[in-house]
Amino acid sequence: MLLINIFFALALLLRFYTLSISIRNEKNLLKKGAIQYGKKNSIALSVVHILFYLSCITEANYNQVIFNKESQIGLIILIFSLIMLFYVIYQLKEIWTVKVYILPNHKINTSFIFKYFRHPNYF
């Protein structure tokens, strides 16, 4: 159980780190004239995201989950997801945020990931 709690804590720390990047980028985008869209949706998604993390760790502790094969698969998926998240942050640089902002006249990133995998928040 301790191992699972450590993984949850590390994942949460990484998410807080990405949130700090997002907040810094939001401030810079607003200075450049970006406009936020879907403010209510962003708030709702943030609340649900936090509740999801809390419910996962609560369930794992309540049920005394052990680190088994299913946990290993979940950890692999989590690590892959975090790698992809940091790749996207690296590619988008100062325009990456967790919220939807439109920055007039910015150059669209057409690198591999954005060329072949469309995301509704970036087009």
N, C-alpha and C. Protein backbone atom coordinates (compact mmCIF):
# COMPACT_ATOMS: atom_id res chain seq x y z
N MET A 1 0.83 -1.20 0.00
CA MET A 1 0.00 0.00 0.00
C MET A 1 0.86 1.25 0.00
N LEU A 2 1.97 1.20 0.71
CA LEU A 2 2.87 2.35 0.78
C LEU A 2 3.37 2.73 -0.60
N LEU A 3 3.71 1.72 -1.41
CA LEU A 3 4.21 1.97 -2.76
C LEU A 3 3.16 2.69 -3.61
N ILE A 4 1.92 2.27 -3.51
CA ILE A 4 0.85 2.91 -4.26
C ILE A 4 0.66 4.35 -3.81
N ASN A 5 0.71 4.60 -2.51
CA ASN A 5 0.59 5.97 -2.00
C ASN A 5 1.75 6.85 -2.48
N ILE A 6 2.94 6.27 -2.56
CA ILE A 6 4.10 7.02 -3.06
C ILE A 6 3.88 7.39 -4.52
N PHE A 7 3.39 6.45 -5.34
CA PHE A 7 3.13 6.75 -6.75
C PHE A 7 2.06 7.82 -6.91
N PHE A 8 1.01 7.74 -6.10
CA PHE A 8 -0.03 8.77 -6.14
C PHE A 8 0.55 10.13 -5.77
N ALA A 9 1.37 10.16 -4.74
CA ALA A 9 1.97 11.43 -4.30
C ALA A 9 2.88 12.01 -5.38
N LEU A 10 3.67 11.16 -6.03
CA LEU A 10 4.54 11.63 -7.11
C LEU A 10 3.72 12.16 -8.29
N ALA A 11 2.67 11.44 -8.65
CA ALA A 11 1.81 11.89 -9.75
C ALA A 11 1.17 13.23 -9.41
N LEU A 12 0.73 13.37 -8.19
CA LEU A 12 0.12 14.63 -7.75
C LEU A 12 1.13 15.77 -7.77
N LEU A 13 2.34 15.51 -7.32
CA LEU A 13 3.39 16.54 -7.37
C LEU A 13 3.68 16.97 -8.80
N LEU A 14 3.74 16.00 -9.71
CA LEU A 14 3.97 16.33 -11.11
C LEU A 14 2.82 17.16 -11.68
N ARG A 15 1.60 16.84 -11.30
CA ARG A 15 0.44 17.61 -11.78
C ARG A 15 0.47 19.03 -11.21
N PHE A 16 0.88 19.18 -9.95
CA PHE A 16 1.01 20.53 -9.38
C PHE A 16 2.10 21.31 -10.11
N TYR A 17 3.18 20.63 -10.48
CA TYR A 17 4.25 21.29 -11.23
C TYR A 17 3.72 21.77 -12.59
N THR A 18 2.97 20.90 -13.29
CA THR A 18 2.43 21.32 -14.59
C THR A 18 1.42 22.45 -14.41
N LEU A 19 0.69 22.43 -13.31
CA LEU A 19 -0.24 23.53 -13.03
C LEU A 19 0.51 24.84 -12.85
N SER A 20 1.67 24.80 -12.20
CA SER A 20 2.46 26.03 -12.04
C SER A 20 2.95 26.54 -13.39
N ILE A 21 3.30 25.64 -14.30
CA ILE A 21 3.68 26.04 -15.65
C ILE A 21 2.50 26.71 -16.34
N SER A 22 1.33 26.10 -16.21
CA SER A 22 0.12 26.64 -16.82
C SER A 22 -0.20 28.03 -16.31
N ILE A 23 -0.12 28.23 -15.01
CA ILE A 23 -0.43 29.54 -14.42
C ILE A 23 0.55 30.60 -14.93
N ARG A 24 1.83 30.25 -14.99
CA ARG A 24 2.83 31.19 -15.52
C ARG A 24 2.53 31.53 -16.98
N ASN A 25 2.20 30.52 -17.78
CA ASN A 25 1.90 30.75 -19.19
C ASN A 25 0.62 31.56 -19.37
N GLU A 26 -0.38 31.32 -18.52
CA GLU A 26 -1.63 32.08 -18.59
C GLU A 26 -1.37 33.57 -18.41
N LYS A 27 -0.56 33.92 -17.43
CA LYS A 27 -0.24 35.33 -17.18
C LYS A 27 0.42 35.96 -18.39
N ASN A 28 1.36 35.25 -19.00
CA ASN A 28 2.03 35.77 -20.19
C ASN A 28 1.09 35.88 -21.37
N LEU A 29 0.21 34.89 -21.54
CA LEU A 29 -0.75 34.93 -22.64
C LEU A 29 -1.70 36.12 -22.50
N LEU A 30 -2.17 36.36 -21.29
CA LEU A 30 -3.07 37.49 -21.06
C LEU A 30 -2.38 38.81 -21.36
N LYS A 31 -1.10 38.92 -21.03
CA LYS A 31 -0.34 40.14 -21.34
C LYS A 31 -0.23 40.35 -22.85
N LYS A 32 -0.22 39.25 -23.60
CA LYS A 32 -0.11 39.32 -25.06
C LYS A 32 -1.47 39.47 -25.75
N GLY A 33 -2.55 39.53 -24.96
CA GLY A 33 -3.87 39.74 -25.54
C GLY A 33 -4.69 38.49 -25.78
N ALA A 34 -4.31 37.38 -25.19
CA ALA A 34 -5.08 36.14 -25.36
C ALA A 34 -6.42 36.26 -24.64
N ILE A 35 -7.39 35.52 -25.16
CA ILE A 35 -8.74 35.51 -24.59
C ILE A 35 -9.05 34.09 -24.13
N GLN A 36 -9.58 33.98 -22.90
CA GLN A 36 -9.96 32.67 -22.38
C GLN A 36 -11.37 32.32 -22.81
N TYR A 37 -11.56 31.07 -23.21
CA TYR A 37 -12.87 30.55 -23.59
C TYR A 37 -13.24 29.41 -22.66
N GLY A 38 -14.53 29.26 -22.39
CA GLY A 38 -15.01 28.16 -21.57
C GLY A 38 -14.58 28.23 -20.12
N LYS A 39 -14.66 29.42 -19.53
CA LYS A 39 -14.21 29.60 -18.15
C LYS A 39 -14.96 28.68 -17.19
N LYS A 40 -16.28 28.57 -17.34
CA LYS A 40 -17.07 27.69 -16.46
C LYS A 40 -16.66 26.23 -16.64
N ASN A 41 -16.43 25.83 -17.89
CA ASN A 41 -15.99 24.46 -18.14
C ASN A 41 -14.64 24.18 -17.49
N SER A 42 -13.74 25.15 -17.56
CA SER A 42 -12.41 24.98 -16.96
C SER A 42 -12.51 24.77 -15.46
N ILE A 43 -13.37 25.53 -14.81
CA ILE A 43 -13.56 25.38 -13.36
C ILE A 43 -14.14 24.00 -13.05
N ALA A 44 -15.15 23.61 -13.79
CA ALA A 44 -15.78 22.30 -13.57
C ALA A 44 -14.79 21.16 -13.80
N LEU A 45 -14.00 21.25 -14.86
CA LEU A 45 -13.01 20.21 -15.13
C LEU A 45 -11.95 20.15 -14.05
N SER A 46 -11.56 21.30 -13.51
CA SER A 46 -10.57 21.32 -12.43
C SER A 46 -11.10 20.62 -11.19
N VAL A 47 -12.34 20.91 -10.84
CA VAL A 47 -12.95 20.29 -9.66
C VAL A 47 -13.06 18.78 -9.86
N VAL A 48 -13.52 18.35 -11.02
CA VAL A 48 -13.65 16.92 -11.30
C VAL A 48 -12.28 16.24 -11.29
N HIS A 49 -11.28 16.91 -11.82
CA HIS A 49 -9.93 16.36 -11.85
C HIS A 49 -9.42 16.11 -10.43
N ILE A 50 -9.60 17.09 -9.56
CA ILE A 50 -9.18 16.96 -8.16
C ILE A 50 -9.95 15.83 -7.47
N LEU A 51 -11.27 15.80 -7.69
CA LEU A 51 -12.09 14.75 -7.09
C LEU A 51 -11.68 13.36 -7.57
N PHE A 52 -11.29 13.25 -8.83
CA PHE A 52 -10.85 11.98 -9.38
C PHE A 52 -9.60 11.48 -8.65
N TYR A 53 -8.61 12.36 -8.51
CA TYR A 53 -7.38 11.97 -7.80
C TYR A 53 -7.69 11.57 -6.36
N LEU A 54 -8.51 12.37 -5.69
CA LEU A 54 -8.86 12.07 -4.29
C LEU A 54 -9.62 10.76 -4.17
N SER A 55 -10.55 10.51 -5.09
CA SER A 55 -11.33 9.27 -5.02
C SER A 55 -10.45 8.06 -5.30
N CYS A 56 -9.50 8.19 -6.21
CA CYS A 56 -8.60 7.07 -6.50
C CYS A 56 -7.76 6.70 -5.28
N ILE A 57 -7.17 7.69 -4.66
CA ILE A 57 -6.32 7.38 -3.50
C ILE A 57 -7.16 6.92 -2.32
N THR A 58 -8.36 7.46 -2.16
CA THR A 58 -9.25 7.02 -1.08
C THR A 58 -9.66 5.57 -1.29
N GLU A 59 -10.06 5.24 -2.51
CA GLU A 59 -10.47 3.86 -2.80
C GLU A 59 -9.31 2.89 -2.60
N ALA A 60 -8.13 3.26 -3.08
CA ALA A 60 -6.96 2.38 -2.93
C ALA A 60 -6.64 2.13 -1.46
N ASN A 61 -6.73 3.16 -0.65
CA ASN A 61 -6.44 2.99 0.79
C ASN A 61 -7.56 2.24 1.50
N TYR A 62 -8.79 2.54 1.16
CA TYR A 62 -9.93 1.88 1.80
C TYR A 62 -9.93 0.38 1.53
N ASN A 63 -9.62 0.01 0.28
CA ASN A 63 -9.63 -1.40 -0.11
C ASN A 63 -8.28 -2.09 0.11
N GLN A 64 -7.31 -1.36 0.65
CA GLN A 64 -5.97 -1.92 0.89
C GLN A 64 -5.42 -2.59 -0.37
N VAL A 65 -5.44 -1.86 -1.46
CA VAL A 65 -4.99 -2.38 -2.75
C VAL A 65 -3.50 -2.69 -2.67
N ILE A 66 -3.12 -3.82 -3.27
CA ILE A 66 -1.71 -4.19 -3.33
C ILE A 66 -1.17 -3.88 -4.72
N PHE A 67 0.13 -3.74 -4.82
CA PHE A 67 0.75 -3.45 -6.11
C PHE A 67 0.92 -4.76 -6.87
N ASN A 68 -0.03 -5.03 -7.77
CA ASN A 68 -0.05 -6.28 -8.52
C ASN A 68 0.10 -5.99 -10.02
N LYS A 69 -0.21 -6.99 -10.85
CA LYS A 69 -0.06 -6.81 -12.31
C LYS A 69 -0.95 -5.68 -12.84
N GLU A 70 -2.18 -5.59 -12.34
CA GLU A 70 -3.07 -4.52 -12.78
C GLU A 70 -2.50 -3.15 -12.40
N SER A 71 -1.92 -3.08 -11.22
CA SER A 71 -1.29 -1.83 -10.78
C SER A 71 -0.10 -1.49 -11.67
N GLN A 72 0.65 -2.50 -12.07
CA GLN A 72 1.80 -2.27 -12.95
C GLN A 72 1.34 -1.73 -14.30
N ILE A 73 0.25 -2.29 -14.83
CA ILE A 73 -0.29 -1.79 -16.10
C ILE A 73 -0.76 -0.35 -15.94
N GLY A 74 -1.45 -0.07 -14.84
CA GLY A 74 -1.89 1.30 -14.57
C GLY A 74 -0.73 2.26 -14.44
N LEU A 75 0.34 1.81 -13.79
CA LEU A 75 1.53 2.66 -13.63
C LEU A 75 2.18 2.93 -14.98
N ILE A 76 2.23 1.93 -15.83
CA ILE A 76 2.80 2.11 -17.18
C ILE A 76 1.97 3.13 -17.96
N ILE A 77 0.66 3.01 -17.89
CA ILE A 77 -0.23 3.97 -18.58
C ILE A 77 -0.03 5.37 -18.01
N LEU A 78 0.07 5.48 -16.69
CA LEU A 78 0.29 6.78 -16.05
C LEU A 78 1.62 7.39 -16.49
N ILE A 79 2.68 6.60 -16.49
CA ILE A 79 3.99 7.10 -16.91
C ILE A 79 3.95 7.55 -18.36
N PHE A 80 3.33 6.75 -19.24
CA PHE A 80 3.20 7.14 -20.64
C PHE A 80 2.43 8.45 -20.77
N SER A 81 1.35 8.58 -20.02
CA SER A 81 0.54 9.80 -20.06
C SER A 81 1.34 11.02 -19.61
N LEU A 82 2.12 10.85 -18.56
CA LEU A 82 2.94 11.97 -18.07
C LEU A 82 4.04 12.33 -19.07
N ILE A 83 4.63 11.33 -19.70
CA ILE A 83 5.63 11.60 -20.74
C ILE A 83 5.00 12.39 -21.87
N MET A 84 3.82 11.97 -22.31
CA MET A 84 3.14 12.69 -23.40
C MET A 84 2.77 14.11 -22.97
N LEU A 85 2.33 14.28 -21.73
CA LEU A 85 2.00 15.61 -21.23
C LEU A 85 3.21 16.52 -21.28
N PHE A 86 4.35 16.05 -20.79
CA PHE A 86 5.55 16.87 -20.80
C PHE A 86 6.06 17.11 -22.22
N TYR A 87 5.83 16.16 -23.13
CA TYR A 87 6.19 16.38 -24.53
C TYR A 87 5.33 17.50 -25.13
N VAL A 88 4.05 17.48 -24.84
CA VAL A 88 3.14 18.53 -25.33
C VAL A 88 3.54 19.88 -24.74
N ILE A 89 3.84 19.92 -23.46
CA ILE A 89 4.28 21.17 -22.82
C ILE A 89 5.55 21.68 -23.50
N TYR A 90 6.48 20.77 -23.77
CA TYR A 90 7.73 21.14 -24.45
C TYR A 90 7.45 21.68 -25.85
N GLN A 91 6.56 21.03 -26.58
CA GLN A 91 6.26 21.46 -27.95
C GLN A 91 5.54 22.81 -28.00
N LEU A 92 4.58 23.01 -27.11
CA LEU A 92 3.79 24.25 -27.15
C LEU A 92 4.46 25.40 -26.41
N LYS A 93 5.41 25.08 -25.58
CA LYS A 93 6.17 26.07 -24.81
C LYS A 93 5.27 27.03 -24.07
N GLU A 94 5.40 28.33 -24.35
CA GLU A 94 4.69 29.35 -23.56
C GLU A 94 3.20 29.46 -23.86
N ILE A 95 2.69 28.72 -24.83
CA ILE A 95 1.24 28.81 -25.08
C ILE A 95 0.47 27.64 -24.46
N TRP A 96 1.18 26.71 -23.79
CA TRP A 96 0.48 25.58 -23.17
C TRP A 96 -0.16 26.01 -21.86
N THR A 97 -1.43 25.70 -21.70
CA THR A 97 -2.15 25.91 -20.44
C THR A 97 -3.16 24.78 -20.27
N VAL A 98 -3.69 24.66 -19.06
CA VAL A 98 -4.75 23.67 -18.85
C VAL A 98 -6.10 24.24 -19.26
N LYS A 99 -6.16 25.54 -19.45
CA LYS A 99 -7.39 26.20 -19.88
C LYS A 99 -7.32 26.49 -21.37
N VAL A 100 -8.43 26.92 -21.94
CA VAL A 100 -8.47 27.22 -23.36
C VAL A 100 -8.29 28.73 -23.55
N TYR A 101 -7.18 29.09 -24.18
CA TYR A 101 -6.90 30.48 -24.53
C TYR A 101 -6.67 30.57 -26.02
N ILE A 102 -7.14 31.65 -26.60
CA ILE A 102 -6.86 31.92 -28.01
C ILE A 102 -5.94 33.12 -28.06
N LEU A 103 -4.77 32.92 -28.63
CA LEU A 103 -3.79 33.99 -28.79
C LEU A 103 -3.79 34.39 -30.26
N PRO A 104 -4.24 35.61 -30.55
CA PRO A 104 -4.29 36.05 -31.94
C PRO A 104 -2.90 36.00 -32.60
N ASN A 105 -2.88 35.56 -33.82
CA ASN A 105 -1.69 35.59 -34.68
C ASN A 105 -0.51 34.76 -34.16
N HIS A 106 -0.77 33.70 -33.42
CA HIS A 106 0.36 32.85 -33.04
C HIS A 106 0.54 31.78 -34.10
N LYS A 107 1.76 31.30 -34.23
CA LYS A 107 2.07 30.28 -35.22
C LYS A 107 1.59 28.92 -34.72
N ILE A 108 0.80 28.24 -35.53
CA ILE A 108 0.28 26.91 -35.18
C ILE A 108 1.43 25.90 -35.22
N ASN A 109 1.53 25.10 -34.17
CA ASN A 109 2.55 24.06 -34.09
C ASN A 109 2.10 22.88 -34.94
N THR A 110 2.93 22.48 -35.90
CA THR A 110 2.58 21.36 -36.78
C THR A 110 3.54 20.19 -36.61
N SER A 111 4.13 20.07 -35.43
CA SER A 111 5.03 18.95 -35.18
C SER A 111 4.23 17.64 -35.21
N PHE A 112 4.93 16.53 -35.14
CA PHE A 112 4.33 15.21 -35.30
C PHE A 112 3.05 15.03 -34.51
N ILE A 113 3.10 15.30 -33.23
CA ILE A 113 1.94 15.01 -32.38
C ILE A 113 0.72 15.83 -32.77
N PHE A 114 0.91 17.07 -33.16
CA PHE A 114 -0.23 17.93 -33.51
C PHE A 114 -0.67 17.72 -34.95
N LYS A 115 0.19 17.16 -35.75
CA LYS A 115 -0.15 16.87 -37.14
C LYS A 115 -1.05 15.63 -37.24
N TYR A 116 -0.78 14.63 -36.40
CA TYR A 116 -1.48 13.36 -36.51
C TYR A 116 -2.52 13.10 -35.42
N PHE A 117 -2.44 13.84 -34.33
CA PHE A 117 -3.40 13.66 -33.24
C PHE A 117 -4.05 15.00 -32.94
N ARG A 118 -5.28 15.18 -33.38
CA ARG A 118 -5.99 16.44 -33.19
C ARG A 118 -6.56 16.53 -31.79
N HIS A 119 -6.49 17.71 -31.23
CA HIS A 119 -7.06 17.96 -29.90
C HIS A 119 -8.01 19.14 -30.03
N PRO A 120 -9.19 19.06 -29.43
CA PRO A 120 -10.17 20.14 -29.60
C PRO A 120 -9.72 21.48 -29.01
N ASN A 121 -8.74 21.47 -28.11
CA ASN A 121 -8.27 22.73 -27.53
C ASN A 121 -7.14 23.36 -28.33
N TYR A 122 -6.61 22.65 -29.32
CA TYR A 122 -5.51 23.20 -30.10
C TYR A 122 -5.73 22.87 -31.57
N PHE A 123 -5.98 23.92 -32.34
CA PHE A 123 -6.20 23.72 -33.78
C PHE A 123 -5.75 24.93 -34.54
